[in-house]
């Protein structure tokens, strides 16, 4: 029974996080490489589902070349 409550609380948290831009801005979001996409259209009953804009997810992303890797490749 407690596991069910934890699951409900977690789902509620995720829903609130998805809908609240200010809350999302304070939490680091990462892509799950093992994520299995689910057809959400059948779960929403026609209501609009809020989504996180891609530019917001990528806002803090910085890509840098690792100098150490470059040195290993050269020799």
PDB file of N, CA and C in Angstrom:
ATOM      1  N   UNK A   1       0.830  -1.198   0.000  1.00  0.00           N
ATOM      2  CA  UNK A   1       0.000   0.000   0.000  1.00  0.00           C
ATOM      3  C   UNK A   1       0.872   1.259   0.000  1.00  0.00           C
ATOM      4  N   UNK A   2       1.956   1.216   0.752  1.00  0.00           N
ATOM      5  CA  UNK A   2       2.844   2.370   0.792  1.00  0.00           C
ATOM      6  C   UNK A   2       3.543   2.575  -0.556  1.00  0.00           C
ATOM      7  N   UNK A   3       3.853   1.480  -1.251  1.00  0.00           N
ATOM      8  CA  UNK A   3       4.458   1.582  -2.580  1.00  0.00           C
ATOM      9  C   UNK A   3       3.515   2.276  -3.557  1.00  0.00           C
ATOM     10  N   UNK A   4       2.229   1.987  -3.460  1.00  0.00           N
ATOM     11  CA  UNK A   4       1.241   2.623  -4.334  1.00  0.00           C
ATOM     12  C   UNK A   4       1.180   4.119  -4.057  1.00  0.00           C
ATOM     13  N   UNK A   5       1.229   4.503  -2.781  1.00  0.00           N
ATOM     14  CA  UNK A   5       1.195   5.922  -2.418  1.00  0.00           C
ATOM     15  C   UNK A   5       2.455   6.621  -2.921  1.00  0.00           C
ATOM     16  N   UNK A   6       3.600   5.960  -2.779  1.00  0.00           N
ATOM     17  CA  UNK A   6       4.845   6.537  -3.290  1.00  0.00           C
ATOM     18  C   UNK A   6       4.766   6.737  -4.798  1.00  0.00           C
ATOM     19  N   UNK A   7       4.230   5.758  -5.494  1.00  0.00           N
ATOM     20  CA  UNK A   7       4.081   5.867  -6.943  1.00  0.00           C
ATOM     21  C   UNK A   7       3.163   7.009  -7.332  1.00  0.00           C
ATOM     22  N   UNK A   8       2.058   7.156  -6.612  1.00  0.00           N
ATOM     23  CA  UNK A   8       1.124   8.251  -6.882  1.00  0.00           C
ATOM     24  C   UNK A   8       1.777   9.597  -6.599  1.00  0.00           C
ATOM     25  N   UNK A   9       2.516   9.685  -5.476  1.00  0.00           N
ATOM     26  CA  UNK A   9       3.199  10.931  -5.132  1.00  0.00           C
ATOM     27  C   UNK A   9       4.236  11.296  -6.188  1.00  0.00           C
ATOM     28  N   UNK A  10       4.968  10.297  -6.659  1.00  0.00           N
ATOM     29  CA  UNK A  10       5.992  10.534  -7.674  1.00  0.00           C
ATOM     30  C   UNK A  10       5.360  11.010  -8.980  1.00  0.00           C
ATOM     31  N   UNK A  11       4.275  10.373  -9.388  1.00  0.00           N
ATOM     32  CA  UNK A  11       3.576  10.781 -10.609  1.00  0.00           C
ATOM     33  C   UNK A  11       3.036  12.204 -10.474  1.00  0.00           C
ATOM     34  N   UNK A  12       2.506  12.536  -9.296  1.00  0.00           N
ATOM     35  CA  UNK A  12       1.996  13.888  -9.055  1.00  0.00           C
ATOM     36  C   UNK A  12       3.141  14.899  -9.154  1.00  0.00           C
ATOM     37  N   UNK A  13       4.297  14.547  -8.561  1.00  0.00           N
ATOM     38  CA  UNK A  13       5.467  15.411  -8.639  1.00  0.00           C
ATOM     39  C   UNK A  13       5.883  15.631 -10.093  1.00  0.00           C
ATOM     40  N   UNK A  14       5.942  14.562 -10.876  1.00  0.00           N
ATOM     41  CA  UNK A  14       6.332  14.686 -12.283  1.00  0.00           C
ATOM     42  C   UNK A  14       5.351  15.554 -13.060  1.00  0.00           C
ATOM     43  N   UNK A  15       4.056  15.404 -12.785  1.00  0.00           N
ATOM     44  CA  UNK A  15       3.051  16.238 -13.450  1.00  0.00           C
ATOM     45  C   UNK A  15       3.248  17.705 -13.096  1.00  0.00           C
ATOM     46  N   UNK A  16       3.469  17.984 -11.799  1.00  0.00           N
ATOM     47  CA  UNK A  16       3.683  19.367 -11.366  1.00  0.00           C
ATOM     48  C   UNK A  16       4.955  19.933 -11.983  1.00  0.00           C
ATOM     49  N   UNK A  17       6.000  19.118 -12.039  1.00  0.00           N
ATOM     50  CA  UNK A  17       7.264  19.547 -12.630  1.00  0.00           C
ATOM     51  C   UNK A  17       7.089  19.887 -14.105  1.00  0.00           C
ATOM     52  N   UNK A  18       6.331  19.085 -14.804  1.00  0.00           N
ATOM     53  CA  UNK A  18       6.109  19.304 -16.230  1.00  0.00           C
ATOM     54  C   UNK A  18       5.317  20.586 -16.479  1.00  0.00           C
ATOM     55  N   UNK A  19       4.406  20.921 -15.584  1.00  0.00           N
ATOM     56  CA  UNK A  19       3.536  22.081 -15.777  1.00  0.00           C
ATOM     57  C   UNK A  19       4.126  23.383 -15.242  1.00  0.00           C
ATOM     58  N   UNK A  20       5.088  23.322 -14.318  1.00  0.00           N
ATOM     59  CA  UNK A  20       5.606  24.511 -13.650  1.00  0.00           C
ATOM     60  C   UNK A  20       6.996  24.867 -14.181  1.00  0.00           C
ATOM     61  N   UNK A  21       7.062  25.881 -15.035  1.00  0.00           N
ATOM     62  CA  UNK A  21       8.324  26.266 -15.662  1.00  0.00           C
ATOM     63  C   UNK A  21       9.340  26.732 -14.622  1.00  0.00           C
ATOM     64  N   UNK A  22       8.910  27.449 -13.598  1.00  0.00           N
ATOM     65  CA  UNK A  22       9.834  27.929 -12.571  1.00  0.00           C
ATOM     66  C   UNK A  22      10.462  26.759 -11.811  1.00  0.00           C
ATOM     67  N   UNK A  23       9.658  25.760 -11.481  1.00  0.00           N
ATOM     68  CA  UNK A  23      10.173  24.586 -10.782  1.00  0.00           C
ATOM     69  C   UNK A  23      11.174  23.847 -11.672  1.00  0.00           C
ATOM     70  N   UNK A  24      10.848  23.708 -12.970  1.00  0.00           N
ATOM     71  CA  UNK A  24      11.743  23.017 -13.906  1.00  0.00           C
ATOM     72  C   UNK A  24      13.082  23.723 -14.028  1.00  0.00           C
ATOM     73  N   UNK A  25      13.062  25.051 -13.937  1.00  0.00           N
ATOM     74  CA  UNK A  25      14.303  25.803 -14.107  1.00  0.00           C
ATOM     75  C   UNK A  25      15.295  25.533 -12.986  1.00  0.00           C
ATOM     76  N   UNK A  26      14.828  24.981 -11.877  1.00  0.00           N
ATOM     77  CA  UNK A  26      15.698  24.714 -10.729  1.00  0.00           C
ATOM     78  C   UNK A  26      16.141  23.259 -10.657  1.00  0.00           C
ATOM     79  N   UNK A  27      15.733  22.449 -11.627  1.00  0.00           N
ATOM     80  CA  UNK A  27      16.042  21.024 -11.609  1.00  0.00           C
ATOM     81  C   UNK A  27      16.767  20.661 -12.898  1.00  0.00           C
ATOM     82  N   UNK A  28      17.871  19.930 -12.761  1.00  0.00           N
ATOM     83  CA  UNK A  28      18.615  19.466 -13.932  1.00  0.00           C
ATOM     84  C   UNK A  28      17.885  18.270 -14.537  1.00  0.00           C
ATOM     85  N   UNK A  29      17.570  18.360 -15.822  1.00  0.00           N
ATOM     86  CA  UNK A  29      16.892  17.274 -16.523  1.00  0.00           C
ATOM     87  C   UNK A  29      17.887  16.591 -17.450  1.00  0.00           C
ATOM     88  N   UNK A  30      17.890  15.271 -17.439  1.00  0.00           N
ATOM     89  CA  UNK A  30      18.800  14.496 -18.273  1.00  0.00           C
ATOM     90  C   UNK A  30      18.010  13.514 -19.112  1.00  0.00           C
ATOM     91  N   UNK A  31      18.525  13.209 -20.259  1.00  0.00           N
ATOM     92  CA  UNK A  31      17.874  12.250 -21.144  1.00  0.00           C
ATOM     93  C   UNK A  31      18.194  10.839 -20.659  1.00  0.00           C
ATOM     94  N   UNK A  32      17.192   9.999 -20.608  1.00  0.00           N
ATOM     95  CA  UNK A  32      17.351   8.607 -20.225  1.00  0.00           C
ATOM     96  C   UNK A  32      17.572   7.796 -21.493  1.00  0.00           C
ATOM     97  N   UNK A  33      18.778   7.267 -21.668  1.00  0.00           N
ATOM     98  CA  UNK A  33      19.111   6.503 -22.874  1.00  0.00           C
ATOM     99  C   UNK A  33      18.304   5.211 -22.968  1.00  0.00           C
ATOM    100  N   UNK A  34      17.801   4.691 -21.847  1.00  0.00           N
ATOM    101  CA  UNK A  34      17.058   3.428 -21.824  1.00  0.00           C
ATOM    102  C   UNK A  34      15.552   3.630 -21.873  1.00  0.00           C
ATOM    103  N   UNK A  35      15.102   4.866 -22.078  1.00  0.00           N
ATOM    104  CA  UNK A  35      13.680   5.200 -22.064  1.00  0.00           C
ATOM    105  C   UNK A  35      12.945   4.484 -23.190  1.00  0.00           C
ATOM    106  N   UNK A  36      11.850   3.868 -22.840  1.00  0.00           N
ATOM    107  CA  UNK A  36      10.989   3.217 -23.824  1.00  0.00           C
ATOM    108  C   UNK A  36       9.775   4.111 -24.045  1.00  0.00           C
ATOM    109  N   UNK A  37       9.653   4.684 -25.223  1.00  0.00           N
ATOM    110  CA  UNK A  37       8.545   5.596 -25.519  1.00  0.00           C
ATOM    111  C   UNK A  37       7.216   4.851 -25.457  1.00  0.00           C
ATOM    112  N   UNK A  38       6.229   5.499 -24.834  1.00  0.00           N
ATOM    113  CA  UNK A  38       4.892   4.938 -24.698  1.00  0.00           C
ATOM    114  C   UNK A  38       3.938   5.825 -25.474  1.00  0.00           C
ATOM    115  N   UNK A  39       2.955   5.236 -26.109  1.00  0.00           N
ATOM    116  CA  UNK A  39       1.959   6.011 -26.839  1.00  0.00           C
ATOM    117  C   UNK A  39       1.100   6.769 -25.836  1.00  0.00           C
ATOM    118  N   UNK A  40       1.397   8.056 -25.636  1.00  0.00           N
ATOM    119  CA  UNK A  40       0.676   8.848 -24.642  1.00  0.00           C
ATOM    120  C   UNK A  40      -0.686   9.298 -25.139  1.00  0.00           C
ATOM    121  N   UNK A  41      -0.923   9.247 -26.429  1.00  0.00           N
ATOM    122  CA  UNK A  41      -2.212   9.690 -26.961  1.00  0.00           C
ATOM    123  C   UNK A  41      -3.355   8.873 -26.376  1.00  0.00           C
ATOM    124  N   UNK A  42      -3.141   7.607 -26.167  1.00  0.00           N
ATOM    125  CA  UNK A  42      -4.205   6.766 -25.621  1.00  0.00           C
ATOM    126  C   UNK A  42      -4.406   6.997 -24.132  1.00  0.00           C
ATOM    127  N   UNK A  43      -3.411   7.573 -23.461  1.00  0.00           N
ATOM    128  CA  UNK A  43      -3.503   7.783 -22.020  1.00  0.00           C
ATOM    129  C   UNK A  43      -4.097   9.140 -21.660  1.00  0.00           C
ATOM    130  N   UNK A  44      -4.175  10.083 -22.582  1.00  0.00           N
ATOM    131  CA  UNK A  44      -4.570  11.443 -22.249  1.00  0.00           C
ATOM    132  C   UNK A  44      -6.041  11.735 -22.437  1.00  0.00           C
ATOM    133  N   UNK A  45      -6.777  10.875 -23.074  1.00  0.00           N
ATOM    134  CA  UNK A  45      -8.206  11.087 -23.305  1.00  0.00           C
ATOM    135  C   UNK A  45      -8.500  12.403 -24.009  1.00  0.00           C
ATOM    136  N   UNK A  46      -7.627  12.816 -24.925  1.00  0.00           N
ATOM    137  CA  UNK A  46      -7.878  13.994 -25.729  1.00  0.00           C
ATOM    138  C   UNK A  46      -7.491  15.313 -25.100  1.00  0.00           C
ATOM    139  N   UNK A  47      -7.063  15.325 -23.859  1.00  0.00           N
ATOM    140  CA  UNK A  47      -6.683  16.591 -23.242  1.00  0.00           C
ATOM    141  C   UNK A  47      -5.262  16.960 -23.648  1.00  0.00           C
ATOM    142  N   UNK A  48      -4.968  18.264 -23.657  1.00  0.00           N
ATOM    143  CA  UNK A  48      -3.630  18.718 -24.022  1.00  0.00           C
ATOM    144  C   UNK A  48      -2.658  18.388 -22.900  1.00  0.00           C
ATOM    145  N   UNK A  49      -1.545  17.802 -23.269  1.00  0.00           N
ATOM    146  CA  UNK A  49      -0.527  17.435 -22.299  1.00  0.00           C
ATOM    147  C   UNK A  49       0.581  18.470 -22.364  1.00  0.00           C
ATOM    148  N   UNK A  50       0.949  19.080 -21.227  1.00  0.00           N
ATOM    149  CA  UNK A  50       2.036  20.053 -21.251  1.00  0.00           C
ATOM    150  C   UNK A  50       3.352  19.363 -21.588  1.00  0.00           C
ATOM    151  N   UNK A  51       4.245  20.088 -22.228  1.00  0.00           N
ATOM    152  CA  UNK A  51       5.536  19.513 -22.572  1.00  0.00           C
ATOM    153  C   UNK A  51       6.631  20.530 -22.297  1.00  0.00           C
ATOM    154  N   UNK A  52       7.842  20.046 -22.140  1.00  0.00           N
ATOM    155  CA  UNK A  52       8.994  20.898 -21.891  1.00  0.00           C
ATOM    156  C   UNK A  52       9.617  21.248 -23.237  1.00  0.00           C
ATOM    157  N   UNK A  53       9.758  22.544 -23.538  1.00  0.00           N
ATOM    158  CA  UNK A  53      10.361  22.939 -24.813  1.00  0.00           C
ATOM    159  C   UNK A  53      11.805  22.451 -24.912  1.00  0.00           C
ATOM    160  N   UNK A  54      12.209  22.038 -26.102  1.00  0.00           N
ATOM    161  CA  UNK A  54      13.544  21.509 -26.315  1.00  0.00           C
ATOM    162  C   UNK A  54      14.620  22.530 -25.956  1.00  0.00           C
ATOM    163  N   UNK A  55      14.409  23.808 -26.297  1.00  0.00           N
ATOM    164  CA  UNK A  55      15.423  24.815 -25.988  1.00  0.00           C
ATOM    165  C   UNK A  55      15.621  24.962 -24.486  1.00  0.00           C
ATOM    166  N   UNK A  56      14.582  24.711 -23.695  1.00  0.00           N
ATOM    167  CA  UNK A  56      14.726  24.761 -22.244  1.00  0.00           C
ATOM    168  C   UNK A  56      15.560  23.578 -21.745  1.00  0.00           C
ATOM    169  N   UNK A  57      15.362  22.415 -22.343  1.00  0.00           N
ATOM    170  CA  UNK A  57      16.137  21.239 -21.953  1.00  0.00           C
ATOM    171  C   UNK A  57      17.614  21.401 -22.316  1.00  0.00           C
ATOM    172  N   UNK A  58      17.871  22.057 -23.440  1.00  0.00           N
ATOM    173  CA  UNK A  58      19.239  22.205 -23.913  1.00  0.00           C
ATOM    174  C   UNK A  58      19.895  23.498 -23.449  1.00  0.00           C
ATOM    175  N   UNK A  59      19.187  24.321 -22.691  1.00  0.00           N
ATOM    176  CA  UNK A  59      19.679  25.629 -22.286  1.00  0.00           C
ATOM    177  C   UNK A  59      21.017  25.610 -21.584  1.00  0.00           C
ATOM    178  N   UNK A  60      21.250  24.667 -20.695  1.00  0.00           N
ATOM    179  CA  UNK A  60      22.489  24.611 -19.929  1.00  0.00           C
ATOM    180  C   UNK A  60      23.511  23.646 -20.514  1.00  0.00           C
ATOM    181  N   UNK A  61      23.229  23.091 -21.670  1.00  0.00           N
ATOM    182  CA  UNK A  61      24.125  22.119 -22.284  1.00  0.00           C
ATOM    183  C   UNK A  61      25.375  22.808 -22.806  1.00  0.00           C
ATOM    184  N   UNK A  62      26.533  22.298 -22.416  1.00  0.00           N
ATOM    185  CA  UNK A  62      27.792  22.787 -22.957  1.00  0.00           C
ATOM    186  C   UNK A  62      28.579  21.593 -23.465  1.00  0.00           C
ATOM    187  N   UNK A  63      29.049  21.702 -24.674  1.00  0.00           N
ATOM    188  CA  UNK A  63      29.843  20.642 -25.283  1.00  0.00           C
ATOM    189  C   UNK A  63      31.275  21.130 -25.401  1.00  0.00           C
ATOM    190  N   UNK A  64      32.194  20.355 -24.846  1.00  0.00           N
ATOM    191  CA  UNK A  64      33.599  20.732 -24.891  1.00  0.00           C
ATOM    192  C   UNK A  64      34.415  19.531 -25.334  1.00  0.00           C
ATOM    193  N   UNK A  65      35.444  19.807 -26.112  1.00  0.00           N
ATOM    194  CA  UNK A  65      36.382  18.749 -26.467  1.00  0.00           C
ATOM    195  C   UNK A  65      37.293  18.510 -25.280  1.00  0.00           C
ATOM    196  N   UNK A  66      37.539  17.269 -24.982  1.00  0.00           N
ATOM    197  CA  UNK A  66      38.444  16.921 -23.904  1.00  0.00           C
ATOM    198  C   UNK A  66      39.861  16.941 -24.466  1.00  0.00           C
ATOM    199  N   UNK A  67      40.709  17.836 -23.964  1.00  0.00           N
ATOM    200  CA  UNK A  67      42.066  17.967 -24.483  1.00  0.00           C
ATOM    201  C   UNK A  67      42.834  16.662 -24.345  1.00  0.00           C
ATOM    202  N   UNK A  68      42.570  15.925 -23.284  1.00  0.00           N
ATOM    203  CA  UNK A  68      43.261  14.662 -23.056  1.00  0.00           C
ATOM    204  C   UNK A  68      42.948  13.664 -24.168  1.00  0.00           C
ATOM    205  N   UNK A  69      41.719  13.606 -24.605  1.00  0.00           N
ATOM    206  CA  UNK A  69      41.340  12.706 -25.695  1.00  0.00           C
ATOM    207  C   UNK A  69      42.039  13.108 -26.992  1.00  0.00           C
ATOM    208  N   UNK A  70      42.153  14.418 -27.236  1.00  0.00           N
ATOM    209  CA  UNK A  70      42.822  14.897 -28.441  1.00  0.00           C
ATOM    210  C   UNK A  70      44.288  14.477 -28.457  1.00  0.00           C
ATOM    211  N   UNK A  71      44.962  14.556 -27.304  1.00  0.00           N
ATOM    212  CA  UNK A  71      46.367  14.180 -27.215  1.00  0.00           C
ATOM    213  C   UNK A  71      46.547  12.693 -27.484  1.00  0.00           C
ATOM    214  N   UNK A  72      45.633  11.865 -26.975  1.00  0.00           N
ATOM    215  CA  UNK A  72      45.726  10.427 -27.185  1.00  0.00           C
ATOM    216  C   UNK A  72      45.568  10.083 -28.660  1.00  0.00           C
ATOM    217  N   UNK A  73      44.722  10.795 -29.366  1.00  0.00           N
ATOM    218  CA  UNK A  73      44.485  10.524 -30.773  1.00  0.00           C
ATOM    219  C   UNK A  73      45.700  10.905 -31.620  1.00  0.00           C
ATOM    220  N   UNK A  74      46.415  11.952 -31.204  1.00  0.00           N
ATOM    221  CA  UNK A  74      47.553  12.437 -31.978  1.00  0.00           C
ATOM    222  C   UNK A  74      48.781  11.546 -31.814  1.00  0.00           C
ATOM    223  N   UNK A  75      48.909  10.890 -30.714  1.00  0.00           N
ATOM    224  CA  UNK A  75      50.112  10.090 -30.614  1.00  0.00           C
ATOM    225  C   UNK A  75      50.232   9.453 -29.354  1.00  0.00           C
TER     226      UNK A  75
END
